[in-house]
């Protein structure tokens, strides 16, 4: 069985002129094809995203899951407050 990294394939198609894509700056600048891609920041309209944390609704969270939940909420709050995730 072989694997396919869809992100690299999408960037290769864009680099070959087949189309366009919207990626985070981190992913746009990562990989072997970066010298063949032109990047333009999207500033208007601003792109917003919703981040969800899901768990089984029919079971209470374990102590470990509660700890991870708290850590993730703190991490997201810090990154949005300091402007890292705008």
PDB file of N, CA and C in Angstrom:
ATOM      1  N   UNK A   1       0.841  -1.172   0.000  1.00  0.00           N
ATOM      2  CA  UNK A   1       0.000   0.000   0.000  1.00  0.00           C
ATOM      3  C   UNK A   1       0.890   1.241   0.000  1.00  0.00           C
ATOM      4  N   UNK A   2       0.578   2.201  -0.828  1.00  0.00           N
ATOM      5  CA  UNK A   2       1.353   3.435  -0.861  1.00  0.00           C
ATOM      6  C   UNK A   2       0.520   4.564  -0.269  1.00  0.00           C
ATOM      7  N   UNK A   3       1.210   5.587   0.217  1.00  0.00           N
ATOM      8  CA  UNK A   3       0.490   6.725   0.778  1.00  0.00           C
ATOM      9  C   UNK A   3       0.625   7.919  -0.155  1.00  0.00           C
ATOM     10  N   UNK A   4      -0.275   8.839  -0.019  1.00  0.00           N
ATOM     11  CA  UNK A   4      -0.285  10.033  -0.851  1.00  0.00           C
ATOM     12  C   UNK A   4      -0.409  11.233   0.065  1.00  0.00           C
ATOM     13  N   UNK A   5       0.505  12.161  -0.047  1.00  0.00           N
ATOM     14  CA  UNK A   5       0.420  13.393   0.711  1.00  0.00           C
ATOM     15  C   UNK A   5      -0.325  14.386  -0.155  1.00  0.00           C
ATOM     16  N   UNK A   6      -1.605  14.553   0.105  1.00  0.00           N
ATOM     17  CA  UNK A   6      -2.454  15.390  -0.745  1.00  0.00           C
ATOM     18  C   UNK A   6      -1.957  16.821  -0.799  1.00  0.00           C
ATOM     19  N   UNK A   7      -1.419  17.337   0.294  1.00  0.00           N
ATOM     20  CA  UNK A   7      -0.955  18.719   0.305  1.00  0.00           C
ATOM     21  C   UNK A   7       0.183  18.912  -0.686  1.00  0.00           C
ATOM     22  N   UNK A   8       1.132  17.999  -0.719  1.00  0.00           N
ATOM     23  CA  UNK A   8       2.225  18.098  -1.689  1.00  0.00           C
ATOM     24  C   UNK A   8       1.707  17.973  -3.124  1.00  0.00           C
ATOM     25  N   UNK A   9       0.718  17.108  -3.325  1.00  0.00           N
ATOM     26  CA  UNK A   9       0.139  16.952  -4.661  1.00  0.00           C
ATOM     27  C   UNK A   9      -0.592  18.217  -5.095  1.00  0.00           C
ATOM     28  N   UNK A  10      -1.328  18.813  -4.185  1.00  0.00           N
ATOM     29  CA  UNK A  10      -2.033  20.060  -4.503  1.00  0.00           C
ATOM     30  C   UNK A  10      -1.033  21.149  -4.848  1.00  0.00           C
ATOM     31  N   UNK A  11       0.015  21.285  -4.054  1.00  0.00           N
ATOM     32  CA  UNK A  11       1.024  22.314  -4.326  1.00  0.00           C
ATOM     33  C   UNK A  11       1.727  22.049  -5.648  1.00  0.00           C
ATOM     34  N   UNK A  12       1.960  20.788  -5.990  1.00  0.00           N
ATOM     35  CA  UNK A  12       2.590  20.457  -7.268  1.00  0.00           C
ATOM     36  C   UNK A  12       1.682  20.860  -8.428  1.00  0.00           C
ATOM     37  N   UNK A  13       0.382  20.602  -8.300  1.00  0.00           N
ATOM     38  CA  UNK A  13      -0.554  21.001  -9.348  1.00  0.00           C
ATOM     39  C   UNK A  13      -0.587  22.519  -9.504  1.00  0.00           C
ATOM     40  N   UNK A  14      -0.598  23.234  -8.405  1.00  0.00           N
ATOM     41  CA  UNK A  14      -0.586  24.700  -8.455  1.00  0.00           C
ATOM     42  C   UNK A  14       0.703  25.188  -9.104  1.00  0.00           C
ATOM     43  N   UNK A  15       1.833  24.595  -8.715  1.00  0.00           N
ATOM     44  CA  UNK A  15       3.123  24.990  -9.293  1.00  0.00           C
ATOM     45  C   UNK A  15       3.158  24.733 -10.797  1.00  0.00           C
ATOM     46  N   UNK A  16       2.416  23.717 -11.249  1.00  0.00           N
ATOM     47  CA  UNK A  16       2.349  23.411 -12.685  1.00  0.00           C
ATOM     48  C   UNK A  16       1.313  24.262 -13.412  1.00  0.00           C
ATOM     49  N   UNK A  17       0.634  25.159 -12.692  1.00  0.00           N
ATOM     50  CA  UNK A  17      -0.319  26.060 -13.325  1.00  0.00           C
ATOM     51  C   UNK A  17      -1.719  25.504 -13.491  1.00  0.00           C
ATOM     52  N   UNK A  18      -2.024  24.415 -12.809  1.00  0.00           N
ATOM     53  CA  UNK A  18      -3.335  23.785 -12.966  1.00  0.00           C
ATOM     54  C   UNK A  18      -4.426  24.556 -12.224  1.00  0.00           C
ATOM     55  N   UNK A  19      -4.080  25.239 -11.156  1.00  0.00           N
ATOM     56  CA  UNK A  19      -5.102  25.950 -10.390  1.00  0.00           C
ATOM     57  C   UNK A  19      -4.492  26.767  -9.281  1.00  0.00           C
ATOM     58  N   UNK A  20      -5.309  27.060  -8.287  1.00  0.00           N
ATOM     59  CA  UNK A  20      -4.919  27.867  -7.144  1.00  0.00           C
ATOM     60  C   UNK A  20      -5.311  27.145  -5.870  1.00  0.00           C
ATOM     61  N   UNK A  21      -4.755  27.564  -4.759  1.00  0.00           N
ATOM     62  CA  UNK A  21      -5.153  27.016  -3.471  1.00  0.00           C
ATOM     63  C   UNK A  21      -4.959  28.071  -2.397  1.00  0.00           C
ATOM     64  N   UNK A  22      -5.625  27.879  -1.294  1.00  0.00           N
ATOM     65  CA  UNK A  22      -5.435  28.732  -0.120  1.00  0.00           C
ATOM     66  C   UNK A  22      -4.865  27.847   0.975  1.00  0.00           C
ATOM     67  N   UNK A  23      -3.701  28.232   1.471  1.00  0.00           N
ATOM     68  CA  UNK A  23      -3.005  27.475   2.511  1.00  0.00           C
ATOM     69  C   UNK A  23      -2.551  28.417   3.606  1.00  0.00           C
ATOM     70  N   UNK A  24      -2.302  27.862   4.779  1.00  0.00           N
ATOM     71  CA  UNK A  24      -1.666  28.664   5.810  1.00  0.00           C
ATOM     72  C   UNK A  24      -0.244  28.952   5.345  1.00  0.00           C
ATOM     73  N   UNK A  25       0.325  30.033   5.845  1.00  0.00           N
ATOM     74  CA  UNK A  25       1.691  30.394   5.451  1.00  0.00           C
ATOM     75  C   UNK A  25       2.667  29.273   5.792  1.00  0.00           C
ATOM     76  N   UNK A  26       2.423  28.611   6.903  1.00  0.00           N
ATOM     77  CA  UNK A  26       3.301  27.509   7.321  1.00  0.00           C
ATOM     78  C   UNK A  26       3.344  26.409   6.262  1.00  0.00           C
ATOM     79  N   UNK A  27       2.197  26.011   5.753  1.00  0.00           N
ATOM     80  CA  UNK A  27       2.162  24.936   4.765  1.00  0.00           C
ATOM     81  C   UNK A  27       2.578  25.417   3.381  1.00  0.00           C
ATOM     82  N   UNK A  28       2.294  26.656   3.073  1.00  0.00           N
ATOM     83  CA  UNK A  28       2.689  27.178   1.766  1.00  0.00           C
ATOM     84  C   UNK A  28       4.201  27.237   1.628  1.00  0.00           C
ATOM     85  N   UNK A  29       4.894  27.473   2.711  1.00  0.00           N
ATOM     86  CA  UNK A  29       6.349  27.628   2.666  1.00  0.00           C
ATOM     87  C   UNK A  29       7.112  26.366   3.060  1.00  0.00           C
ATOM     88  N   UNK A  30       6.434  25.241   3.152  1.00  0.00           N
ATOM     89  CA  UNK A  30       7.065  23.989   3.557  1.00  0.00           C
ATOM     90  C   UNK A  30       7.068  23.010   2.391  1.00  0.00           C
ATOM     91  N   UNK A  31       8.187  22.369   2.171  1.00  0.00           N
ATOM     92  CA  UNK A  31       8.252  21.328   1.146  1.00  0.00           C
ATOM     93  C   UNK A  31       9.246  21.664   0.049  1.00  0.00           C
ATOM     94  N   UNK A  32       9.337  20.774  -0.913  1.00  0.00           N
ATOM     95  CA  UNK A  32      10.334  20.904  -1.965  1.00  0.00           C
ATOM     96  C   UNK A  32       9.894  21.806  -3.113  1.00  0.00           C
ATOM     97  N   UNK A  33       8.634  22.167  -3.170  1.00  0.00           N
ATOM     98  CA  UNK A  33       8.107  22.914  -4.309  1.00  0.00           C
ATOM     99  C   UNK A  33       8.070  24.419  -4.021  1.00  0.00           C
ATOM    100  N   UNK A  34       8.505  24.848  -2.862  1.00  0.00           N
ATOM    101  CA  UNK A  34       8.295  26.242  -2.462  1.00  0.00           C
ATOM    102  C   UNK A  34       8.913  27.247  -3.422  1.00  0.00           C
ATOM    103  N   UNK A  35      10.003  26.896  -4.087  1.00  0.00           N
ATOM    104  CA  UNK A  35      10.612  27.852  -5.019  1.00  0.00           C
ATOM    105  C   UNK A  35       9.820  27.990  -6.319  1.00  0.00           C
ATOM    106  N   UNK A  36       8.813  27.147  -6.517  1.00  0.00           N
ATOM    107  CA  UNK A  36       7.976  27.229  -7.720  1.00  0.00           C
ATOM    108  C   UNK A  36       6.607  27.827  -7.444  1.00  0.00           C
ATOM    109  N   UNK A  37       6.373  28.284  -6.207  1.00  0.00           N
ATOM    110  CA  UNK A  37       5.080  28.848  -5.842  1.00  0.00           C
ATOM    111  C   UNK A  37       5.202  30.317  -5.501  1.00  0.00           C
ATOM    112  N   UNK A  38       4.279  31.111  -5.978  1.00  0.00           N
ATOM    113  CA  UNK A  38       4.173  32.509  -5.573  1.00  0.00           C
ATOM    114  C   UNK A  38       3.087  32.573  -4.508  1.00  0.00           C
ATOM    115  N   UNK A  39       3.354  33.276  -3.411  1.00  0.00           N
ATOM    116  CA  UNK A  39       2.356  33.386  -2.349  1.00  0.00           C
ATOM    117  C   UNK A  39       1.930  34.834  -2.182  1.00  0.00           C
ATOM    118  N   UNK A  40       0.654  35.009  -1.951  1.00  0.00           N
ATOM    119  CA  UNK A  40       0.070  36.326  -1.728  1.00  0.00           C
ATOM    120  C   UNK A  40      -0.806  36.222  -0.484  1.00  0.00           C
ATOM    121  N   UNK A  41      -0.560  37.035   0.544  1.00  0.00           N
ATOM    122  CA  UNK A  41      -1.397  36.954   1.745  1.00  0.00           C
ATOM    123  C   UNK A  41      -2.838  37.379   1.456  1.00  0.00           C
ATOM    124  N   UNK A  42      -3.784  36.673   2.021  1.00  0.00           N
ATOM    125  CA  UNK A  42      -5.191  37.044   1.928  1.00  0.00           C
ATOM    126  C   UNK A  42      -5.480  37.950   3.122  1.00  0.00           C
ATOM    127  N   UNK A  43      -5.787  39.213   2.829  1.00  0.00           N
ATOM    128  CA  UNK A  43      -6.046  40.153   3.912  1.00  0.00           C
ATOM    129  C   UNK A  43      -7.480  40.678   3.905  1.00  0.00           C
ATOM    130  N   UNK A  44      -8.119  40.679   2.746  1.00  0.00           N
ATOM    131  CA  UNK A  44      -9.508  41.112   2.640  1.00  0.00           C
ATOM    132  C   UNK A  44     -10.262  40.189   1.729  1.00  0.00           C
ATOM    133  N   UNK A  45     -11.275  39.585   2.175  1.00  0.00           N
ATOM    134  CA  UNK A  45     -11.779  39.614   3.542  1.00  0.00           C
ATOM    135  C   UNK A  45     -10.909  38.760   4.445  1.00  0.00           C
ATOM    136  N   UNK A  46     -10.925  39.064   5.713  1.00  0.00           N
ATOM    137  CA  UNK A  46     -10.165  38.262   6.678  1.00  0.00           C
ATOM    138  C   UNK A  46     -10.745  36.851   6.722  1.00  0.00           C
ATOM    139  N   UNK A  47      -9.875  35.873   6.845  1.00  0.00           N
ATOM    140  CA  UNK A  47     -10.322  34.491   6.929  1.00  0.00           C
ATOM    141  C   UNK A  47     -10.475  34.138   8.406  1.00  0.00           C
ATOM    142  N   UNK A  48     -11.651  33.660   8.752  1.00  0.00           N
ATOM    143  CA  UNK A  48     -11.910  33.238  10.121  1.00  0.00           C
ATOM    144  C   UNK A  48     -12.057  31.728  10.143  1.00  0.00           C
ATOM    145  N   UNK A  49     -11.783  31.145  11.277  1.00  0.00           N
ATOM    146  CA  UNK A  49     -11.922  29.703  11.403  1.00  0.00           C
ATOM    147  C   UNK A  49     -12.523  29.358  12.755  1.00  0.00           C
ATOM    148  N   UNK A  50     -13.189  28.238  12.789  1.00  0.00           N
ATOM    149  CA  UNK A  50     -13.726  27.699  14.026  1.00  0.00           C
ATOM    150  C   UNK A  50     -12.937  26.447  14.352  1.00  0.00           C
ATOM    151  N   UNK A  51     -12.455  26.378  15.569  1.00  0.00           N
ATOM    152  CA  UNK A  51     -11.719  25.206  16.022  1.00  0.00           C
ATOM    153  C   UNK A  51     -12.598  24.479  17.027  1.00  0.00           C
ATOM    154  N   UNK A  52     -12.779  23.191  16.818  1.00  0.00           N
ATOM    155  CA  UNK A  52     -13.645  22.401  17.697  1.00  0.00           C
ATOM    156  C   UNK A  52     -12.857  21.285  18.346  1.00  0.00           C
ATOM    157  N   UNK A  53     -13.206  20.999  19.563  1.00  0.00           N
ATOM    158  CA  UNK A  53     -12.644  19.863  20.290  1.00  0.00           C
ATOM    159  C   UNK A  53     -13.803  18.920  20.554  1.00  0.00           C
ATOM    160  N   UNK A  54     -13.741  17.725  20.017  1.00  0.00           N
ATOM    161  CA  UNK A  54     -14.860  16.785  20.117  1.00  0.00           C
ATOM    162  C   UNK A  54     -14.512  15.615  21.036  1.00  0.00           C
ATOM    163  N   UNK A  55     -15.543  15.110  21.691  1.00  0.00           N
ATOM    164  CA  UNK A  55     -15.391  13.905  22.516  1.00  0.00           C
ATOM    165  C   UNK A  55     -16.742  13.193  22.563  1.00  0.00           C
ATOM    166  N   UNK A  56     -16.717  11.958  23.002  1.00  0.00           N
ATOM    167  CA  UNK A  56     -17.953  11.180  23.076  1.00  0.00           C
ATOM    168  C   UNK A  56     -18.902  11.834  24.073  1.00  0.00           C
ATOM    169  N   UNK A  57     -20.132  12.078  23.647  1.00  0.00           N
ATOM    170  CA  UNK A  57     -21.098  12.756  24.514  1.00  0.00           C
ATOM    171  C   UNK A  57     -21.748  11.820  25.523  1.00  0.00           C
ATOM    172  N   UNK A  58     -21.614  10.521  25.304  1.00  0.00           N
ATOM    173  CA  UNK A  58     -22.273   9.571  26.196  1.00  0.00           C
ATOM    174  C   UNK A  58     -21.362   9.056  27.312  1.00  0.00           C
ATOM    175  N   UNK A  59     -20.157   9.631  27.410  1.00  0.00           N
ATOM    176  CA  UNK A  59     -19.221   9.209  28.468  1.00  0.00           C
ATOM    177  C   UNK A  59     -18.577  10.445  29.078  1.00  0.00           C
ATOM    178  N   UNK A  60     -18.348  10.420  30.379  1.00  0.00           N
ATOM    179  CA  UNK A  60     -17.648  11.553  30.989  1.00  0.00           C
ATOM    180  C   UNK A  60     -16.170  11.537  30.589  1.00  0.00           C
ATOM    181  N   UNK A  61     -15.569  12.708  30.593  1.00  0.00           N
ATOM    182  CA  UNK A  61     -14.147  12.795  30.270  1.00  0.00           C
ATOM    183  C   UNK A  61     -13.311  12.180  31.386  1.00  0.00           C
ATOM    184  N   UNK A  62     -12.265  11.484  31.006  1.00  0.00           N
ATOM    185  CA  UNK A  62     -11.327  10.942  31.996  1.00  0.00           C
ATOM    186  C   UNK A  62     -10.516  12.090  32.583  1.00  0.00           C
ATOM    187  N   UNK A  63      -9.787  11.819  33.624  1.00  0.00           N
ATOM    188  CA  UNK A  63      -8.925  12.837  34.226  1.00  0.00           C
ATOM    189  C   UNK A  63      -7.909  13.333  33.208  1.00  0.00           C
ATOM    190  N   UNK A  64      -7.331  12.419  32.426  1.00  0.00           N
ATOM    191  CA  UNK A  64      -6.342  12.803  31.405  1.00  0.00           C
ATOM    192  C   UNK A  64      -6.995  13.661  30.320  1.00  0.00           C
ATOM    193  N   UNK A  65      -8.193  13.273  29.887  1.00  0.00           N
ATOM    194  CA  UNK A  65      -8.882  14.043  28.847  1.00  0.00           C
ATOM    195  C   UNK A  65      -9.245  15.440  29.351  1.00  0.00           C
ATOM    196  N   UNK A  66      -9.646  15.541  30.622  1.00  0.00           N
ATOM    197  CA  UNK A  66      -9.934  16.854  31.199  1.00  0.00           C
ATOM    198  C   UNK A  66      -8.676  17.717  31.225  1.00  0.00           C
ATOM    199  N   UNK A  67      -7.539  17.108  31.532  1.00  0.00           N
ATOM    200  CA  UNK A  67      -6.278  17.850  31.560  1.00  0.00           C
ATOM    201  C   UNK A  67      -5.918  18.340  30.159  1.00  0.00           C
ATOM    202  N   UNK A  68      -6.057  17.488  29.154  1.00  0.00           N
ATOM    203  CA  UNK A  68      -5.774  17.879  27.772  1.00  0.00           C
ATOM    204  C   UNK A  68      -6.739  18.973  27.333  1.00  0.00           C
ATOM    205  N   UNK A  69      -7.996  18.844  27.684  1.00  0.00           N
ATOM    206  CA  UNK A  69      -9.005  19.855  27.358  1.00  0.00           C
ATOM    207  C   UNK A  69      -8.584  21.217  27.909  1.00  0.00           C
ATOM    208  N   UNK A  70      -8.182  21.252  29.175  1.00  0.00           N
ATOM    209  CA  UNK A  70      -7.742  22.508  29.790  1.00  0.00           C
ATOM    210  C   UNK A  70      -6.499  23.073  29.126  1.00  0.00           C
ATOM    211  N   UNK A  71      -5.539  22.204  28.821  1.00  0.00           N
ATOM    212  CA  UNK A  71      -4.309  22.657  28.163  1.00  0.00           C
ATOM    213  C   UNK A  71      -4.601  23.232  26.775  1.00  0.00           C
ATOM    214  N   UNK A  72      -5.471  22.572  26.025  1.00  0.00           N
ATOM    215  CA  UNK A  72      -5.807  23.054  24.682  1.00  0.00           C
ATOM    216  C   UNK A  72      -6.529  24.400  24.733  1.00  0.00           C
ATOM    217  N   UNK A  73      -7.465  24.546  25.665  1.00  0.00           N
ATOM    218  CA  UNK A  73      -8.158  25.827  25.794  1.00  0.00           C
ATOM    219  C   UNK A  73      -7.175  26.941  26.136  1.00  0.00           C
ATOM    220  N   UNK A  74      -6.239  26.650  27.031  1.00  0.00           N
ATOM    221  CA  UNK A  74      -5.228  27.637  27.407  1.00  0.00           C
ATOM    222  C   UNK A  74      -4.330  27.985  26.219  1.00  0.00           C
ATOM    223  N   UNK A  75      -3.893  26.978  25.487  1.00  0.00           N
ATOM    224  CA  UNK A  75      -3.034  27.195  24.324  1.00  0.00           C
ATOM    225  C   UNK A  75      -3.728  28.059  23.273  1.00  0.00           C
ATOM    226  N   UNK A  76      -4.977  27.742  22.965  1.00  0.00           N
ATOM    227  CA  UNK A  76      -5.719  28.520  21.975  1.00  0.00           C
ATOM    228  C   UNK A  76      -5.911  29.952  22.465  1.00  0.00           C
ATOM    229  N   UNK A  77      -6.243  30.116  23.718  1.00  0.00           N
ATOM    230  CA  UNK A  77      -6.437  31.466  24.258  1.00  0.00           C
ATOM    231  C   UNK A  77      -5.154  32.284  24.174  1.00  0.00           C
ATOM    232  N   UNK A  78      -4.028  31.684  24.544  1.00  0.00           N
ATOM    233  CA  UNK A  78      -2.750  32.410  24.482  1.00  0.00           C
ATOM    234  C   UNK A  78      -2.379  32.782  23.060  1.00  0.00           C
ATOM    235  N   UNK A  79      -2.561  31.874  22.115  1.00  0.00           N
ATOM    236  CA  UNK A  79      -2.175  32.149  20.724  1.00  0.00           C
ATOM    237  C   UNK A  79      -3.078  33.186  20.071  1.00  0.00           C
ATOM    238  N   UNK A  80      -4.340  33.224  20.451  1.00  0.00           N
ATOM    239  CA  UNK A  80      -5.222  34.238  19.873  1.00  0.00           C
ATOM    240  C   UNK A  80      -5.014  35.590  20.537  1.00  0.00           C
ATOM    241  N   UNK A  81      -4.720  35.605  21.834  1.00  0.00           N
ATOM    242  CA  UNK A  81      -4.527  36.874  22.543  1.00  0.00           C
ATOM    243  C   UNK A  81      -3.223  37.554  22.150  1.00  0.00           C
ATOM    244  N   UNK A  82      -2.170  36.774  21.882  1.00  0.00           N
ATOM    245  CA  UNK A  82      -0.888  37.395  21.549  1.00  0.00           C
ATOM    246  C   UNK A  82      -0.720  37.664  20.052  1.00  0.00           C
ATOM    247  N   UNK A  83      -1.766  37.377  19.265  1.00  0.00           N
ATOM    248  CA  UNK A  83      -1.737  37.689  17.842  1.00  0.00           C
ATOM    249  C   UNK A  83      -1.099  36.634  16.972  1.00  0.00           C
ATOM    250  N   UNK A  84      -0.635  35.532  17.552  1.00  0.00           N
ATOM    251  CA  UNK A  84      -0.028  34.483  16.737  1.00  0.00           C
ATOM    252  C   UNK A  84      -1.058  33.841  15.819  1.00  0.00           C
ATOM    253  N   UNK A  85      -2.255  33.624  16.344  1.00  0.00           N
ATOM    254  CA  UNK A  85      -3.365  33.115  15.533  1.00  0.00           C
ATOM    255  C   UNK A  85      -4.358  34.246  15.387  1.00  0.00           C
ATOM    256  N   UNK A  86      -4.253  34.962  14.328  1.00  0.00           N
ATOM    257  CA  UNK A  86      -5.167  36.085  14.108  1.00  0.00           C
ATOM    258  C   UNK A  86      -6.234  35.655  13.134  1.00  0.00           C
TER     259      UNK A  86
END
